[in-house]
N, C-alpha and C. Protein backbone atom coordinates (compact mmCIF):
# COMPACT_ATOMS: atom_id res chain seq x y z
N UNK A 1 0.84 -1.18 0.00
CA UNK A 1 0.00 0.00 0.00
C UNK A 1 0.89 1.24 0.00
N UNK A 2 0.46 2.22 -0.70
CA UNK A 2 1.22 3.46 -0.84
C UNK A 2 1.32 4.19 0.50
N UNK A 3 2.43 4.88 0.73
CA UNK A 3 2.63 5.60 2.00
C UNK A 3 1.59 6.70 2.19
N UNK A 4 1.20 7.34 1.10
CA UNK A 4 0.21 8.41 1.21
C UNK A 4 -1.14 7.85 1.66
N UNK A 5 -1.53 6.72 1.10
CA UNK A 5 -2.80 6.12 1.48
C UNK A 5 -2.76 5.67 2.94
N UNK A 6 -1.64 5.10 3.37
CA UNK A 6 -1.51 4.71 4.78
C UNK A 6 -1.63 5.91 5.69
N UNK A 7 -0.98 7.01 5.33
CA UNK A 7 -1.06 8.22 6.15
C UNK A 7 -2.48 8.76 6.21
N UNK A 8 -3.16 8.77 5.06
CA UNK A 8 -4.53 9.28 5.04
C UNK A 8 -5.46 8.41 5.86
N UNK A 9 -5.27 7.10 5.81
CA UNK A 9 -6.12 6.21 6.61
C UNK A 9 -5.88 6.39 8.10
N UNK A 10 -4.65 6.70 8.48
CA UNK A 10 -4.36 6.94 9.89
C UNK A 10 -4.86 8.31 10.34
N UNK A 11 -4.88 9.28 9.45
CA UNK A 11 -5.29 10.63 9.81
C UNK A 11 -6.80 10.81 9.76
N UNK A 12 -7.51 9.92 9.09
CA UNK A 12 -8.95 10.07 8.92
C UNK A 12 -9.72 10.10 10.24
N UNK A 13 -9.49 9.20 11.20
CA UNK A 13 -10.23 9.30 12.47
C UNK A 13 -9.97 10.61 13.20
N UNK A 14 -8.75 11.10 13.16
CA UNK A 14 -8.42 12.37 13.80
C UNK A 14 -9.21 13.51 13.16
N UNK A 15 -9.27 13.53 11.85
CA UNK A 15 -10.00 14.59 11.15
C UNK A 15 -11.50 14.50 11.46
N UNK A 16 -12.04 13.29 11.54
CA UNK A 16 -13.46 13.12 11.84
C UNK A 16 -13.78 13.63 13.24
N UNK A 17 -12.94 13.28 14.21
CA UNK A 17 -13.19 13.73 15.59
C UNK A 17 -13.07 15.24 15.70
N UNK A 18 -12.06 15.82 15.08
CA UNK A 18 -11.91 17.28 15.11
C UNK A 18 -13.11 17.94 14.44
N UNK A 19 -13.61 17.37 13.36
CA UNK A 19 -14.78 17.93 12.69
C UNK A 19 -16.02 17.90 13.55
N UNK A 20 -16.26 16.78 14.23
CA UNK A 20 -17.43 16.69 15.10
C UNK A 20 -17.30 17.61 16.31
N UNK A 21 -16.11 17.70 16.88
CA UNK A 21 -15.97 18.57 18.05
C UNK A 21 -16.10 20.04 17.65
N UNK A 22 -15.65 20.39 16.45
CA UNK A 22 -15.81 21.78 16.00
C UNK A 22 -17.28 22.13 15.85
N UNK A 23 -18.07 21.21 15.32
CA UNK A 23 -19.50 21.45 15.17
C UNK A 23 -20.19 21.47 16.53
N UNK A 24 -19.72 20.61 17.45
CA UNK A 24 -20.36 20.52 18.76
C UNK A 24 -20.19 21.81 19.56
N UNK A 25 -19.07 22.45 19.41
CA UNK A 25 -18.81 23.66 20.18
C UNK A 25 -18.98 24.94 19.35
N UNK A 26 -19.58 24.83 18.18
CA UNK A 26 -19.81 26.00 17.35
C UNK A 26 -20.86 26.89 18.01
N UNK A 27 -20.79 28.16 17.71
CA UNK A 27 -21.73 29.12 18.27
C UNK A 27 -23.09 28.93 17.63
N UNK A 28 -24.11 28.79 18.44
CA UNK A 28 -25.45 28.54 17.95
C UNK A 28 -26.18 29.80 17.48
N UNK A 29 -25.59 30.93 17.62
CA UNK A 29 -26.24 32.18 17.21
C UNK A 29 -26.86 32.87 18.41
N UNK A 30 -27.06 34.14 18.28
CA UNK A 30 -27.63 34.94 19.36
C UNK A 30 -29.13 35.09 19.12
N UNK A 31 -29.92 34.37 19.92
CA UNK A 31 -31.37 34.45 19.80
C UNK A 31 -31.96 35.47 20.76
N UNK A 32 -31.17 35.90 21.73
CA UNK A 32 -31.66 36.85 22.72
C UNK A 32 -30.61 37.93 22.90
N UNK A 33 -31.04 39.08 23.40
CA UNK A 33 -30.09 40.15 23.65
C UNK A 33 -29.38 39.98 24.98
N UNK A 34 -29.96 39.19 25.88
CA UNK A 34 -29.32 38.92 27.17
C UNK A 34 -28.21 37.89 26.95
N UNK A 35 -26.95 38.19 27.31
CA UNK A 35 -25.84 37.25 27.04
C UNK A 35 -26.00 35.90 27.73
N UNK A 36 -26.52 35.87 28.95
CA UNK A 36 -26.66 34.60 29.66
C UNK A 36 -27.70 33.71 28.98
N UNK A 37 -28.81 34.30 28.56
CA UNK A 37 -29.87 33.53 27.89
C UNK A 37 -29.38 33.06 26.53
N UNK A 38 -28.66 33.92 25.82
CA UNK A 38 -28.17 33.55 24.50
C UNK A 38 -27.18 32.39 24.59
N UNK A 39 -26.36 32.38 25.62
CA UNK A 39 -25.40 31.29 25.77
C UNK A 39 -26.12 29.97 26.02
N UNK A 40 -27.14 29.97 26.86
CA UNK A 40 -27.90 28.75 27.14
C UNK A 40 -28.64 28.29 25.90
N UNK A 41 -29.23 29.20 25.16
CA UNK A 41 -29.95 28.83 23.94
C UNK A 41 -29.00 28.26 22.89
N UNK A 42 -27.82 28.82 22.77
CA UNK A 42 -26.84 28.30 21.81
C UNK A 42 -26.37 26.92 22.19
N UNK A 43 -26.15 26.67 23.48
CA UNK A 43 -25.73 25.35 23.93
C UNK A 43 -26.83 24.33 23.74
N UNK A 44 -28.08 24.72 23.98
CA UNK A 44 -29.20 23.79 23.86
C UNK A 44 -29.36 23.30 22.42
N UNK A 45 -29.02 24.11 21.45
CA UNK A 45 -29.17 23.69 20.06
C UNK A 45 -28.06 22.72 19.65
N UNK A 46 -27.03 22.56 20.47
CA UNK A 46 -25.90 21.68 20.12
C UNK A 46 -25.84 20.43 20.97
N UNK A 47 -26.88 20.10 21.73
CA UNK A 47 -26.83 18.93 22.61
C UNK A 47 -26.57 17.63 21.83
N UNK A 48 -27.21 17.49 20.71
CA UNK A 48 -27.02 16.27 19.92
C UNK A 48 -25.58 16.13 19.44
N UNK A 49 -24.99 17.23 18.99
CA UNK A 49 -23.61 17.18 18.50
C UNK A 49 -22.63 16.91 19.63
N UNK A 50 -22.90 17.48 20.80
CA UNK A 50 -22.01 17.24 21.94
C UNK A 50 -22.09 15.78 22.36
N UNK A 51 -23.29 15.21 22.39
CA UNK A 51 -23.44 13.80 22.74
C UNK A 51 -22.76 12.91 21.71
N UNK A 52 -22.88 13.24 20.44
CA UNK A 52 -22.24 12.47 19.39
C UNK A 52 -20.73 12.54 19.51
N UNK A 53 -20.20 13.72 19.79
CA UNK A 53 -18.75 13.87 19.96
C UNK A 53 -18.25 13.07 21.16
N UNK A 54 -19.01 13.06 22.25
CA UNK A 54 -18.61 12.29 23.43
C UNK A 54 -18.62 10.80 23.13
N UNK A 55 -19.64 10.33 22.45
CA UNK A 55 -19.71 8.92 22.11
C UNK A 55 -18.60 8.49 21.16
N UNK A 56 -18.33 9.32 20.16
CA UNK A 56 -17.26 8.99 19.23
C UNK A 56 -15.90 9.03 19.91
N UNK A 57 -15.70 9.98 20.81
CA UNK A 57 -14.41 10.08 21.49
C UNK A 57 -14.10 8.82 22.28
N UNK A 58 -15.05 8.36 23.06
CA UNK A 58 -14.77 7.18 23.89
C UNK A 58 -14.78 5.91 23.03
N UNK A 59 -15.62 5.86 22.01
CA UNK A 59 -15.65 4.68 21.15
C UNK A 59 -14.37 4.48 20.37
N UNK A 60 -13.90 5.53 19.74
CA UNK A 60 -12.67 5.43 18.96
C UNK A 60 -11.47 5.22 19.86
N UNK A 61 -11.46 5.87 21.03
CA UNK A 61 -10.34 5.67 21.95
C UNK A 61 -10.29 4.24 22.47
N UNK A 62 -11.46 3.69 22.79
CA UNK A 62 -11.49 2.32 23.29
C UNK A 62 -11.07 1.34 22.20
N UNK A 63 -11.53 1.57 20.98
CA UNK A 63 -11.15 0.71 19.87
C UNK A 63 -9.65 0.80 19.60
N UNK A 64 -9.13 2.02 19.54
CA UNK A 64 -7.69 2.19 19.30
C UNK A 64 -6.84 1.64 20.44
N UNK A 65 -7.29 1.84 21.67
CA UNK A 65 -6.56 1.30 22.82
C UNK A 65 -6.55 -0.22 22.82
N UNK A 66 -7.68 -0.82 22.48
CA UNK A 66 -7.76 -2.28 22.43
C UNK A 66 -6.87 -2.86 21.34
N UNK A 67 -6.89 -2.23 20.18
CA UNK A 67 -6.03 -2.70 19.09
C UNK A 67 -4.56 -2.51 19.46
N UNK A 68 -4.22 -1.36 20.03
CA UNK A 68 -2.84 -1.10 20.42
C UNK A 68 -2.34 -2.06 21.49
N UNK A 69 -3.17 -2.33 22.48
CA UNK A 69 -2.76 -3.27 23.52
C UNK A 69 -2.62 -4.68 22.97
N UNK A 70 -3.50 -5.07 22.08
CA UNK A 70 -3.40 -6.39 21.47
C UNK A 70 -2.14 -6.55 20.65
N UNK A 71 -1.80 -5.53 19.89
CA UNK A 71 -0.58 -5.60 19.07
C UNK A 71 0.66 -5.59 19.94
N UNK A 72 0.65 -4.80 21.01
CA UNK A 72 1.81 -4.75 21.90
C UNK A 72 2.02 -6.09 22.60
N UNK A 73 0.93 -6.68 23.08
CA UNK A 73 1.05 -7.98 23.74
C UNK A 73 1.49 -9.06 22.76
N UNK A 74 0.96 -9.02 21.54
CA UNK A 74 1.35 -10.02 20.54
C UNK A 74 2.82 -9.90 20.18
N UNK A 75 3.31 -8.66 20.03
CA UNK A 75 4.72 -8.47 19.70
C UNK A 75 5.62 -8.92 20.85
N UNK A 76 5.20 -8.63 22.08
CA UNK A 76 6.00 -9.05 23.24
C UNK A 76 6.03 -10.57 23.35
N UNK A 77 4.89 -11.22 23.16
CA UNK A 77 4.86 -12.68 23.24
C UNK A 77 5.64 -13.31 22.09
N UNK A 78 5.61 -12.68 20.94
CA UNK A 78 6.40 -13.18 19.82
C UNK A 78 7.90 -13.07 20.13
N UNK A 79 8.30 -11.96 20.72
CA UNK A 79 9.70 -11.79 21.11
C UNK A 79 10.13 -12.79 22.18
N UNK A 80 9.25 -13.04 23.13
CA UNK A 80 9.57 -14.01 24.19
C UNK A 80 9.64 -15.42 23.61
N UNK A 81 8.76 -15.72 22.64
CA UNK A 81 8.78 -17.05 22.03
C UNK A 81 10.06 -17.27 21.23
N UNK A 82 10.57 -16.23 20.61
CA UNK A 82 11.81 -16.36 19.84
C UNK A 82 13.03 -16.43 20.73
N UNK A 83 12.98 -15.73 21.86
CA UNK A 83 14.13 -15.71 22.77
C UNK A 83 13.60 -15.77 24.20
N UNK A 84 13.39 -16.96 24.74
CA UNK A 84 12.82 -17.07 26.09
C UNK A 84 13.72 -16.46 27.18
N UNK A 85 14.99 -16.35 26.92
CA UNK A 85 15.89 -15.76 27.91
C UNK A 85 15.69 -14.26 28.08
N UNK A 86 15.07 -13.62 27.12
CA UNK A 86 14.86 -12.16 27.18
C UNK A 86 13.49 -11.81 27.75
N UNK A 87 12.80 -12.78 28.34
CA UNK A 87 11.44 -12.52 28.84
C UNK A 87 11.43 -11.42 29.90
N UNK A 88 12.41 -11.41 30.78
CA UNK A 88 12.47 -10.38 31.82
C UNK A 88 12.72 -8.98 31.27
N UNK A 89 13.50 -8.91 30.18
CA UNK A 89 13.79 -7.61 29.57
C UNK A 89 12.64 -7.11 28.70
N UNK A 90 11.78 -8.01 28.27
CA UNK A 90 10.65 -7.61 27.42
C UNK A 90 9.43 -7.27 28.26
N UNK A 91 9.24 -7.98 29.35
CA UNK A 91 8.01 -7.84 30.15
C UNK A 91 7.85 -6.44 30.74
N UNK A 92 8.91 -5.87 31.29
CA UNK A 92 8.82 -4.54 31.93
C UNK A 92 8.40 -3.44 30.97
N UNK A 93 9.11 -3.27 29.83
CA UNK A 93 8.67 -2.24 28.87
C UNK A 93 7.29 -2.50 28.30
N UNK A 94 6.91 -3.78 28.16
CA UNK A 94 5.57 -4.08 27.65
C UNK A 94 4.51 -3.59 28.62
N UNK A 95 4.69 -3.86 29.91
CA UNK A 95 3.71 -3.43 30.91
C UNK A 95 3.65 -1.91 30.97
N UNK A 96 4.79 -1.24 30.86
CA UNK A 96 4.81 0.23 30.83
C UNK A 96 4.05 0.75 29.61
N UNK A 97 4.28 0.14 28.46
CA UNK A 97 3.57 0.55 27.25
C UNK A 97 2.07 0.34 27.36
N UNK A 98 1.67 -0.80 27.95
CA UNK A 98 0.24 -1.06 28.13
C UNK A 98 -0.39 -0.05 29.09
N UNK A 99 0.35 0.34 30.11
CA UNK A 99 -0.17 1.34 31.06
C UNK A 99 -0.34 2.69 30.37
N UNK A 100 0.60 3.06 29.51
CA UNK A 100 0.48 4.34 28.79
C UNK A 100 -0.68 4.31 27.80
N UNK A 101 -0.87 3.18 27.13
CA UNK A 101 -2.02 3.06 26.22
C UNK A 101 -3.32 3.19 27.00
N UNK A 102 -3.39 2.53 28.15
CA UNK A 102 -4.61 2.57 28.96
C UNK A 102 -4.86 3.98 29.50
N UNK A 103 -3.80 4.72 29.80
CA UNK A 103 -3.99 6.09 30.29
C UNK A 103 -4.61 6.97 29.21
N UNK A 104 -4.27 6.75 27.95
CA UNK A 104 -4.88 7.53 26.87
C UNK A 104 -6.37 7.24 26.77
N UNK A 105 -6.76 5.99 26.97
CA UNK A 105 -8.18 5.64 26.94
C UNK A 105 -8.90 6.29 28.13
N UNK A 106 -8.25 6.33 29.28
CA UNK A 106 -8.86 6.97 30.46
C UNK A 106 -9.01 8.47 30.22
N UNK A 107 -8.04 9.10 29.55
CA UNK A 107 -8.17 10.52 29.22
C UNK A 107 -9.38 10.74 28.30
N UNK A 108 -9.57 9.87 27.33
CA UNK A 108 -10.73 9.98 26.44
C UNK A 108 -12.02 9.81 27.23
N UNK A 109 -12.03 8.90 28.20
CA UNK A 109 -13.22 8.72 29.04
C UNK A 109 -13.51 9.98 29.84
N UNK A 110 -12.48 10.61 30.37
CA UNK A 110 -12.67 11.85 31.13
C UNK A 110 -13.23 12.95 30.24
N UNK A 111 -12.71 13.05 29.01
CA UNK A 111 -13.22 14.06 28.08
C UNK A 111 -14.68 13.77 27.74
N UNK A 112 -15.01 12.50 27.51
CA UNK A 112 -16.41 12.14 27.21
C UNK A 112 -17.32 12.46 28.39
N UNK A 113 -16.85 12.20 29.61
CA UNK A 113 -17.67 12.52 30.80
C UNK A 113 -17.85 14.02 30.93
N UNK A 114 -16.80 14.80 30.66
CA UNK A 114 -16.94 16.26 30.72
C UNK A 114 -17.93 16.77 29.67
N UNK A 115 -17.90 16.19 28.47
CA UNK A 115 -18.88 16.57 27.45
C UNK A 115 -20.29 16.19 27.87
N UNK A 116 -20.43 15.01 28.47
CA UNK A 116 -21.75 14.56 28.92
C UNK A 116 -22.27 15.46 30.03
N UNK A 117 -21.39 15.87 30.95
CA UNK A 117 -21.81 16.76 32.02
C UNK A 117 -22.17 18.15 31.50
N UNK A 118 -21.59 18.53 30.37
CA UNK A 118 -21.90 19.82 29.78
C UNK A 118 -23.35 19.87 29.29
N UNK A 119 -23.88 18.73 28.83
CA UNK A 119 -25.25 18.72 28.34
C UNK A 119 -26.25 18.31 29.41
N UNK A 120 -25.76 17.89 30.57
CA UNK A 120 -26.69 17.48 31.65
C UNK A 120 -27.15 18.69 32.44
């Protein structure tokens, strides 16, 4: 596969999420002259987009985290199978990598919860 196509396929989820979040937080327009009322009215018109952005954020993060953890574990087990003596040297960095991958998924969960609380 061409390098350009690989890059575009990897960048596509990022562009989709940025697009949805831009729409979710777009200004809904000023329906009232009172700034506090106008802000609430603008937010109310974007509830669906905010919920969609929250769902996509946690869904894509969980999918990416699961795939990343699976590939990391498979590579580590493949390395241990090829050289059983290096199991101790492979296990530590693998667990650190899995923890970092999981922390990214937890950050996405926190962002999704903050978006959900914004519409509640």
